[in-house]
Amino acid sequence: MIEEIKIVNQLLEIKQILLKQQSFIDLLLPKKISVSYLVEKTGKSRQSIREYLINNFEPEEDFWKEGARIYVSRETAITIQLKGL
């Protein structure tokens, strides 16, 4: 019983840490990010990012066009930056 309580407490601590991390991500990155931002951060060309989006993500869900600009979701931007394209 005591061991189960310790495990539950550890899980609650992990949950708190994850919620804090999500809050930090919310503060640092907007919900939509322009391809221009990704070009700047990754050093890749606009064309290579565009092709990568088309081949690996879902249109209208992971990336979309607003006027003349292409935007990606926060999750997509993080994935692209972590992979380094």
PDB file of N, CA and C in Angstrom:
ATOM      1  N   MET A   1       0.819  -1.194   0.000  1.00  0.00           N
ATOM      2  CA  MET A   1       0.000   0.000   0.000  1.00  0.00           C
ATOM      3  C   MET A   1       0.866   1.262   0.000  1.00  0.00           C
ATOM      4  N   ILE A   2       1.899   1.279   0.836  1.00  0.00           N
ATOM      5  CA  ILE A   2       2.795   2.435   0.917  1.00  0.00           C
ATOM      6  C   ILE A   2       3.549   2.594  -0.409  1.00  0.00           C
ATOM      7  N   GLU A   3       3.939   1.485  -0.983  1.00  0.00           N
ATOM      8  CA  GLU A   3       4.651   1.508  -2.272  1.00  0.00           C
ATOM      9  C   GLU A   3       3.759   2.082  -3.370  1.00  0.00           C
ATOM     10  N   GLU A   4       2.488   1.741  -3.351  1.00  0.00           N
ATOM     11  CA  GLU A   4       1.538   2.263  -4.337  1.00  0.00           C
ATOM     12  C   GLU A   4       1.359   3.776  -4.184  1.00  0.00           C
ATOM     13  N   ILE A   5       1.340   4.245  -2.950  1.00  0.00           N
ATOM     14  CA  ILE A   5       1.210   5.681  -2.694  1.00  0.00           C
ATOM     15  C   ILE A   5       2.437   6.428  -3.222  1.00  0.00           C
ATOM     16  N   LYS A   6       3.625   5.841  -3.035  1.00  0.00           N
ATOM     17  CA  LYS A   6       4.850   6.449  -3.547  1.00  0.00           C
ATOM     18  C   LYS A   6       4.811   6.551  -5.070  1.00  0.00           C
ATOM     19  N   ILE A   7       4.343   5.490  -5.707  1.00  0.00           N
ATOM     20  CA  ILE A   7       4.251   5.484  -7.168  1.00  0.00           C
ATOM     21  C   ILE A   7       3.267   6.543  -7.655  1.00  0.00           C
ATOM     22  N   VAL A   8       2.125   6.647  -7.002  1.00  0.00           N
ATOM     23  CA  VAL A   8       1.120   7.651  -7.365  1.00  0.00           C
ATOM     24  C   VAL A   8       1.703   9.055  -7.192  1.00  0.00           C
ATOM     25  N   ASN A   9       2.407   9.288  -6.096  1.00  0.00           N
ATOM     26  CA  ASN A   9       3.033  10.594  -5.865  1.00  0.00           C
ATOM     27  C   ASN A   9       4.070  10.916  -6.937  1.00  0.00           C
ATOM     28  N   GLN A  10       4.849   9.924  -7.334  1.00  0.00           N
ATOM     29  CA  GLN A  10       5.839  10.130  -8.395  1.00  0.00           C
ATOM     30  C   GLN A  10       5.155  10.461  -9.721  1.00  0.00           C
ATOM     31  N   LEU A  11       4.070   9.778 -10.007  1.00  0.00           N
ATOM     32  CA  LEU A  11       3.330  10.054 -11.235  1.00  0.00           C
ATOM     33  C   LEU A  11       2.743  11.468 -11.218  1.00  0.00           C
ATOM     34  N   LEU A  12       2.249  11.898 -10.077  1.00  0.00           N
ATOM     35  CA  LEU A  12       1.721  13.255  -9.960  1.00  0.00           C
ATOM     36  C   LEU A  12       2.824  14.298 -10.153  1.00  0.00           C
ATOM     37  N   GLU A  13       4.023  14.017  -9.640  1.00  0.00           N
ATOM     38  CA  GLU A  13       5.152  14.924  -9.844  1.00  0.00           C
ATOM     39  C   GLU A  13       5.526  15.006 -11.317  1.00  0.00           C
ATOM     40  N   ILE A  14       5.539  13.871 -11.981  1.00  0.00           N
ATOM     41  CA  ILE A  14       5.842  13.838 -13.413  1.00  0.00           C
ATOM     42  C   ILE A  14       4.794  14.630 -14.188  1.00  0.00           C
ATOM     43  N   LYS A  15       3.545  14.473 -13.814  1.00  0.00           N
ATOM     44  CA  LYS A  15       2.471  15.209 -14.480  1.00  0.00           C
ATOM     45  C   LYS A  15       2.671  16.713 -14.309  1.00  0.00           C
ATOM     46  N   GLN A  16       3.042  17.145 -13.111  1.00  0.00           N
ATOM     47  CA  GLN A  16       3.287  18.565 -12.853  1.00  0.00           C
ATOM     48  C   GLN A  16       4.431  19.096 -13.717  1.00  0.00           C
ATOM     49  N   ILE A  17       5.485  18.324 -13.821  1.00  0.00           N
ATOM     50  CA  ILE A  17       6.633  18.719 -14.641  1.00  0.00           C
ATOM     51  C   ILE A  17       6.209  18.860 -16.101  1.00  0.00           C
ATOM     52  N   LEU A  18       5.439  17.908 -16.602  1.00  0.00           N
ATOM     53  CA  LEU A  18       4.982  17.964 -17.990  1.00  0.00           C
ATOM     54  C   LEU A  18       4.067  19.160 -18.236  1.00  0.00           C
ATOM     55  N   LEU A  19       3.222  19.473 -17.282  1.00  0.00           N
ATOM     56  CA  LEU A  19       2.340  20.634 -17.425  1.00  0.00           C
ATOM     57  C   LEU A  19       3.149  21.931 -17.446  1.00  0.00           C
ATOM     58  N   LYS A  20       4.196  22.004 -16.632  1.00  0.00           N
ATOM     59  CA  LYS A  20       5.065  23.180 -16.646  1.00  0.00           C
ATOM     60  C   LYS A  20       5.764  23.313 -17.998  1.00  0.00           C
ATOM     61  N   GLN A  21       6.248  22.199 -18.524  1.00  0.00           N
ATOM     62  CA  GLN A  21       6.917  22.229 -19.820  1.00  0.00           C
ATOM     63  C   GLN A  21       5.953  22.705 -20.903  1.00  0.00           C
ATOM     64  N   GLN A  22       4.720  22.234 -20.861  1.00  0.00           N
ATOM     65  CA  GLN A  22       3.720  22.668 -21.831  1.00  0.00           C
ATOM     66  C   GLN A  22       3.470  24.164 -21.716  1.00  0.00           C
ATOM     67  N   SER A  23       3.447  24.679 -20.508  1.00  0.00           N
ATOM     68  CA  SER A  23       3.264  26.119 -20.296  1.00  0.00           C
ATOM     69  C   SER A  23       4.421  26.908 -20.899  1.00  0.00           C
ATOM     70  N   PHE A  24       5.635  26.410 -20.724  1.00  0.00           N
ATOM     71  CA  PHE A  24       6.799  27.085 -21.299  1.00  0.00           C
ATOM     72  C   PHE A  24       6.732  27.074 -22.823  1.00  0.00           C
ATOM     73  N   ILE A  25       6.351  25.952 -23.388  1.00  0.00           N
ATOM     74  CA  ILE A  25       6.218  25.867 -24.845  1.00  0.00           C
ATOM     75  C   ILE A  25       5.155  26.840 -25.329  1.00  0.00           C
ATOM     76  N   ASP A  26       4.043  26.924 -24.607  1.00  0.00           N
ATOM     77  CA  ASP A  26       2.983  27.869 -24.969  1.00  0.00           C
ATOM     78  C   ASP A  26       3.490  29.305 -24.964  1.00  0.00           C
ATOM     79  N   LEU A  27       4.364  29.634 -24.019  1.00  0.00           N
ATOM     80  CA  LEU A  27       4.913  30.986 -23.940  1.00  0.00           C
ATOM     81  C   LEU A  27       5.920  31.269 -25.052  1.00  0.00           C
ATOM     82  N   LEU A  28       6.695  30.259 -25.412  1.00  0.00           N
ATOM     83  CA  LEU A  28       7.777  30.459 -26.371  1.00  0.00           C
ATOM     84  C   LEU A  28       7.349  30.376 -27.823  1.00  0.00           C
ATOM     85  N   LEU A  29       6.404  29.510 -28.122  1.00  0.00           N
ATOM     86  CA  LEU A  29       6.004  29.300 -29.506  1.00  0.00           C
ATOM     87  C   LEU A  29       4.517  29.559 -29.691  1.00  0.00           C
ATOM     88  N   PRO A  30       4.173  30.335 -30.698  1.00  0.00           N
ATOM     89  CA  PRO A  30       2.748  30.533 -30.984  1.00  0.00           C
ATOM     90  C   PRO A  30       2.133  29.261 -31.559  1.00  0.00           C
ATOM     91  N   LYS A  31       0.828  29.216 -31.654  1.00  0.00           N
ATOM     92  CA  LYS A  31       0.148  28.018 -32.161  1.00  0.00           C
ATOM     93  C   LYS A  31       0.378  27.812 -33.650  1.00  0.00           C
ATOM     94  N   LYS A  32       0.630  28.899 -34.378  1.00  0.00           N
ATOM     95  CA  LYS A  32       0.968  28.769 -35.792  1.00  0.00           C
ATOM     96  C   LYS A  32       2.280  29.481 -36.056  1.00  0.00           C
ATOM     97  N   ILE A  33       3.105  28.865 -36.894  1.00  0.00           N
ATOM     98  CA  ILE A  33       4.448  29.367 -37.151  1.00  0.00           C
ATOM     99  C   ILE A  33       4.650  29.419 -38.661  1.00  0.00           C
ATOM    100  N   SER A  34       5.211  30.511 -39.135  1.00  0.00           N
ATOM    101  CA  SER A  34       5.389  30.665 -40.579  1.00  0.00           C
ATOM    102  C   SER A  34       6.574  29.838 -41.072  1.00  0.00           C
ATOM    103  N   VAL A  35       6.505  29.490 -42.338  1.00  0.00           N
ATOM    104  CA  VAL A  35       7.616  28.774 -42.967  1.00  0.00           C
ATOM    105  C   VAL A  35       8.864  29.655 -42.942  1.00  0.00           C
ATOM    106  N   SER A  36       8.686  30.961 -43.040  1.00  0.00           N
ATOM    107  CA  SER A  36       9.832  31.883 -42.973  1.00  0.00           C
ATOM    108  C   SER A  36      10.612  31.701 -41.671  1.00  0.00           C
ATOM    109  N   TYR A  37       9.895  31.507 -40.573  1.00  0.00           N
ATOM    110  CA  TYR A  37      10.531  31.274 -39.281  1.00  0.00           C
ATOM    111  C   TYR A  37      11.357  29.981 -39.329  1.00  0.00           C
ATOM    112  N   LEU A  38      10.787  28.934 -39.926  1.00  0.00           N
ATOM    113  CA  LEU A  38      11.502  27.657 -40.022  1.00  0.00           C
ATOM    114  C   LEU A  38      12.735  27.782 -40.910  1.00  0.00           C
ATOM    115  N   VAL A  39      12.624  28.558 -41.988  1.00  0.00           N
ATOM    116  CA  VAL A  39      13.772  28.787 -42.870  1.00  0.00           C
ATOM    117  C   VAL A  39      14.902  29.438 -42.067  1.00  0.00           C
ATOM    118  N   GLU A  40      14.548  30.433 -41.289  1.00  0.00           N
ATOM    119  CA  GLU A  40      15.530  31.150 -40.476  1.00  0.00           C
ATOM    120  C   GLU A  40      16.167  30.238 -39.430  1.00  0.00           C
ATOM    121  N   LYS A  41      15.356  29.431 -38.757  1.00  0.00           N
ATOM    122  CA  LYS A  41      15.851  28.600 -37.659  1.00  0.00           C
ATOM    123  C   LYS A  41      16.611  27.363 -38.124  1.00  0.00           C
ATOM    124  N   THR A  42      16.214  26.775 -39.257  1.00  0.00           N
ATOM    125  CA  THR A  42      16.854  25.541 -39.712  1.00  0.00           C
ATOM    126  C   THR A  42      17.985  25.776 -40.700  1.00  0.00           C
ATOM    127  N   GLY A  43      17.961  26.942 -41.375  1.00  0.00           N
ATOM    128  CA  GLY A  43      18.966  27.202 -42.397  1.00  0.00           C
ATOM    129  C   GLY A  43      18.664  26.505 -43.706  1.00  0.00           C
ATOM    130  N   LYS A  44      17.521  25.870 -43.806  1.00  0.00           N
ATOM    131  CA  LYS A  44      17.113  25.184 -45.036  1.00  0.00           C
ATOM    132  C   LYS A  44      16.354  26.145 -45.936  1.00  0.00           C
ATOM    133  N   SER A  45      16.254  25.803 -47.194  1.00  0.00           N
ATOM    134  CA  SER A  45      15.538  26.669 -48.130  1.00  0.00           C
ATOM    135  C   SER A  45      14.031  26.534 -47.943  1.00  0.00           C
ATOM    136  N   ARG A  46      13.322  27.554 -48.375  1.00  0.00           N
ATOM    137  CA  ARG A  46      11.860  27.541 -48.328  1.00  0.00           C
ATOM    138  C   ARG A  46      11.316  26.353 -49.123  1.00  0.00           C
ATOM    139  N   GLN A  47      11.936  26.086 -50.263  1.00  0.00           N
ATOM    140  CA  GLN A  47      11.492  24.981 -51.117  1.00  0.00           C
ATOM    141  C   GLN A  47      11.682  23.631 -50.423  1.00  0.00           C
ATOM    142  N   SER A  48      12.807  23.424 -49.758  1.00  0.00           N
ATOM    143  CA  SER A  48      13.040  22.128 -49.107  1.00  0.00           C
ATOM    144  C   SER A  48      12.066  21.924 -47.945  1.00  0.00           C
ATOM    145  N   ILE A  49      11.769  22.986 -47.209  1.00  0.00           N
ATOM    146  CA  ILE A  49      10.798  22.869 -46.116  1.00  0.00           C
ATOM    147  C   ILE A  49       9.418  22.592 -46.681  1.00  0.00           C
ATOM    148  N   ARG A  50       9.053  23.289 -47.757  1.00  0.00           N
ATOM    149  CA  ARG A  50       7.749  23.078 -48.390  1.00  0.00           C
ATOM    150  C   ARG A  50       7.602  21.628 -48.866  1.00  0.00           C
ATOM    151  N   GLU A  51       8.615  21.101 -49.530  1.00  0.00           N
ATOM    152  CA  GLU A  51       8.581  19.710 -50.002  1.00  0.00           C
ATOM    153  C   GLU A  51       8.491  18.733 -48.833  1.00  0.00           C
ATOM    154  N   TYR A  52       9.240  19.005 -47.774  1.00  0.00           N
ATOM    155  CA  TYR A  52       9.210  18.140 -46.594  1.00  0.00           C
ATOM    156  C   TYR A  52       7.805  18.131 -45.979  1.00  0.00           C
ATOM    157  N   LEU A  53       7.185  19.301 -45.902  1.00  0.00           N
ATOM    158  CA  LEU A  53       5.820  19.381 -45.377  1.00  0.00           C
ATOM    159  C   LEU A  53       4.862  18.552 -46.220  1.00  0.00           C
ATOM    160  N   ILE A  54       4.924  18.723 -47.530  1.00  0.00           N
ATOM    161  CA  ILE A  54       4.014  18.015 -48.440  1.00  0.00           C
ATOM    162  C   ILE A  54       4.195  16.508 -48.327  1.00  0.00           C
ATOM    163  N   ASN A  55       5.435  16.050 -48.204  1.00  0.00           N
ATOM    164  CA  ASN A  55       5.717  14.611 -48.179  1.00  0.00           C
ATOM    165  C   ASN A  55       5.504  13.942 -46.826  1.00  0.00           C
ATOM    166  N   ASN A  56       5.511  14.722 -45.734  1.00  0.00           N
ATOM    167  CA  ASN A  56       5.505  14.102 -44.408  1.00  0.00           C
ATOM    168  C   ASN A  56       4.388  14.527 -43.474  1.00  0.00           C
ATOM    169  N   PHE A  57       3.584  15.506 -43.864  1.00  0.00           N
ATOM    170  CA  PHE A  57       2.546  16.013 -42.971  1.00  0.00           C
ATOM    171  C   PHE A  57       1.217  16.148 -43.693  1.00  0.00           C
ATOM    172  N   GLU A  58       0.165  16.340 -42.925  1.00  0.00           N
ATOM    173  CA  GLU A  58      -1.189  16.442 -43.457  1.00  0.00           C
ATOM    174  C   GLU A  58      -1.564  17.899 -43.732  1.00  0.00           C
ATOM    175  N   PRO A  59      -1.944  18.202 -44.992  1.00  0.00           N
ATOM    176  CA  PRO A  59      -2.399  19.560 -45.299  1.00  0.00           C
ATOM    177  C   PRO A  59      -3.648  19.907 -44.484  1.00  0.00           C
ATOM    178  N   GLU A  60      -3.798  21.161 -44.191  1.00  0.00           N
ATOM    179  CA  GLU A  60      -4.930  21.712 -43.433  1.00  0.00           C
ATOM    180  C   GLU A  60      -4.921  21.305 -41.958  1.00  0.00           C
ATOM    181  N   GLU A  61      -4.130  20.317 -41.603  1.00  0.00           N
ATOM    182  CA  GLU A  61      -4.026  19.922 -40.192  1.00  0.00           C
ATOM    183  C   GLU A  61      -2.671  20.341 -39.628  1.00  0.00           C
ATOM    184  N   ASP A  62      -1.609  19.939 -40.315  1.00  0.00           N
ATOM    185  CA  ASP A  62      -0.248  20.239 -39.864  1.00  0.00           C
ATOM    186  C   ASP A  62       0.304  21.509 -40.497  1.00  0.00           C
ATOM    187  N   PHE A  63      -0.165  21.843 -41.694  1.00  0.00           N
ATOM    188  CA  PHE A  63       0.253  23.076 -42.360  1.00  0.00           C
ATOM    189  C   PHE A  63      -0.876  23.567 -43.247  1.00  0.00           C
ATOM    190  N   TRP A  64      -0.911  24.879 -43.463  1.00  0.00           N
ATOM    191  CA  TRP A  64      -1.985  25.480 -44.256  1.00  0.00           C
ATOM    192  C   TRP A  64      -1.510  26.816 -44.813  1.00  0.00           C
ATOM    193  N   LYS A  65      -2.267  27.322 -45.764  1.00  0.00           N
ATOM    194  CA  LYS A  65      -1.941  28.593 -46.400  1.00  0.00           C
ATOM    195  C   LYS A  65      -2.925  29.666 -45.944  1.00  0.00           C
ATOM    196  N   GLU A  66      -2.398  30.820 -45.593  1.00  0.00           N
ATOM    197  CA  GLU A  66      -3.216  31.987 -45.255  1.00  0.00           C
ATOM    198  C   GLU A  66      -2.710  33.129 -46.119  1.00  0.00           C
ATOM    199  N   GLY A  67      -3.517  33.510 -47.086  1.00  0.00           N
ATOM    200  CA  GLY A  67      -3.060  34.522 -48.035  1.00  0.00           C
ATOM    201  C   GLY A  67      -1.889  33.975 -48.816  1.00  0.00           C
ATOM    202  N   ALA A  68      -0.777  34.695 -48.799  1.00  0.00           N
ATOM    203  CA  ALA A  68       0.409  34.261 -49.536  1.00  0.00           C
ATOM    204  C   ALA A  68       1.398  33.502 -48.655  1.00  0.00           C
ATOM    205  N   ARG A  69       1.063  33.309 -47.382  1.00  0.00           N
ATOM    206  CA  ARG A  69       1.997  32.671 -46.443  1.00  0.00           C
ATOM    207  C   ARG A  69       1.560  31.251 -46.090  1.00  0.00           C
ATOM    208  N   ILE A  70       2.544  30.409 -45.836  1.00  0.00           N
ATOM    209  CA  ILE A  70       2.292  29.047 -45.363  1.00  0.00           C
ATOM    210  C   ILE A  70       2.645  29.005 -43.884  1.00  0.00           C
ATOM    211  N   TYR A  71       1.739  28.453 -43.101  1.00  0.00           N
ATOM    212  CA  TYR A  71       1.945  28.302 -41.665  1.00  0.00           C
ATOM    213  C   TYR A  71       1.932  26.824 -41.295  1.00  0.00           C
ATOM    214  N   VAL A  72       2.622  26.505 -40.206  1.00  0.00           N
ATOM    215  CA  VAL A  72       2.621  25.138 -39.680  1.00  0.00           C
ATOM    216  C   VAL A  72       2.167  25.189 -38.229  1.00  0.00           C
ATOM    217  N   SER A  73       1.673  24.063 -37.740  1.00  0.00           N
ATOM    218  CA  SER A  73       1.280  23.984 -36.339  1.00  0.00           C
ATOM    219  C   SER A  73       2.533  23.963 -35.463  1.00  0.00           C
ATOM    220  N   ARG A  74       2.358  24.281 -34.210  1.00  0.00           N
ATOM    221  CA  ARG A  74       3.462  24.271 -33.250  1.00  0.00           C
ATOM    222  C   ARG A  74       4.138  22.896 -33.223  1.00  0.00           C
ATOM    223  N   GLU A  75       3.334  21.846 -33.197  1.00  0.00           N
ATOM    224  CA  GLU A  75       3.880  20.485 -33.129  1.00  0.00           C
ATOM    225  C   GLU A  75       4.709  20.166 -34.369  1.00  0.00           C
ATOM    226  N   THR A  76       4.224  20.582 -35.533  1.00  0.00           N
ATOM    227  CA  THR A  76       4.953  20.350 -36.777  1.00  0.00           C
ATOM    228  C   THR A  76       6.277  21.099 -36.764  1.00  0.00           C
ATOM    229  N   ALA A  77       6.261  22.342 -36.310  1.00  0.00           N
ATOM    230  CA  ALA A  77       7.485  23.145 -36.243  1.00  0.00           C
ATOM    231  C   ALA A  77       8.519  22.500 -35.319  1.00  0.00           C
ATOM    232  N   ILE A  78       8.056  22.017 -34.183  1.00  0.00           N
ATOM    233  CA  ILE A  78       8.973  21.364 -33.242  1.00  0.00           C
ATOM    234  C   ILE A  78       9.576  20.115 -33.879  1.00  0.00           C
ATOM    235  N   THR A  79       8.745  19.323 -34.535  1.00  0.00           N
ATOM    236  CA  THR A  79       9.218  18.103 -35.202  1.00  0.00           C
ATOM    237  C   THR A  79      10.280  18.435 -36.246  1.00  0.00           C
ATOM    238  N   ILE A  80      10.023  19.435 -37.066  1.00  0.00           N
ATOM    239  CA  ILE A  80      10.963  19.826 -38.112  1.00  0.00           C
ATOM    240  C   ILE A  80      12.277  20.312 -37.498  1.00  0.00           C
ATOM    241  N   GLN A  81      12.193  21.102 -36.460  1.00  0.00           N
ATOM    242  CA  GLN A  81      13.413  21.607 -35.835  1.00  0.00           C
ATOM    243  C   GLN A  81      14.212  20.494 -35.157  1.00  0.00           C
ATOM    244  N   LEU A  82      13.533  19.546 -34.537  1.00  0.00           N
ATOM    245  CA  LEU A  82      14.239  18.446 -33.883  1.00  0.00           C
ATOM    246  C   LEU A  82      14.918  17.534 -34.889  1.00  0.00           C
ATOM    247  N   LYS A  83      14.270  17.313 -36.037  1.00  0.00           N
ATOM    248  CA  LYS A  83      14.844  16.453 -37.052  1.00  0.00           C
ATOM    249  C   LYS A  83      15.924  17.171 -37.856  1.00  0.00           C
ATOM    250  N   GLY A  84      15.911  18.489 -37.801  1.00  0.00           N
ATOM    251  CA  GLY A  84      16.876  19.243 -38.563  1.00  0.00           C
ATOM    252  C   GLY A  84      16.630  19.122 -40.057  1.00  0.00           C
ATOM    253  N   LEU A  85      15.464  18.608 -40.379  1.00  0.00           N
ATOM    254  CA  LEU A  85      15.017  18.391 -41.753  1.00  0.00           C
ATOM    255  C   LEU A  85      15.968  17.521 -42.431  1.00  0.00           C
TER     256      LEU A  85
END
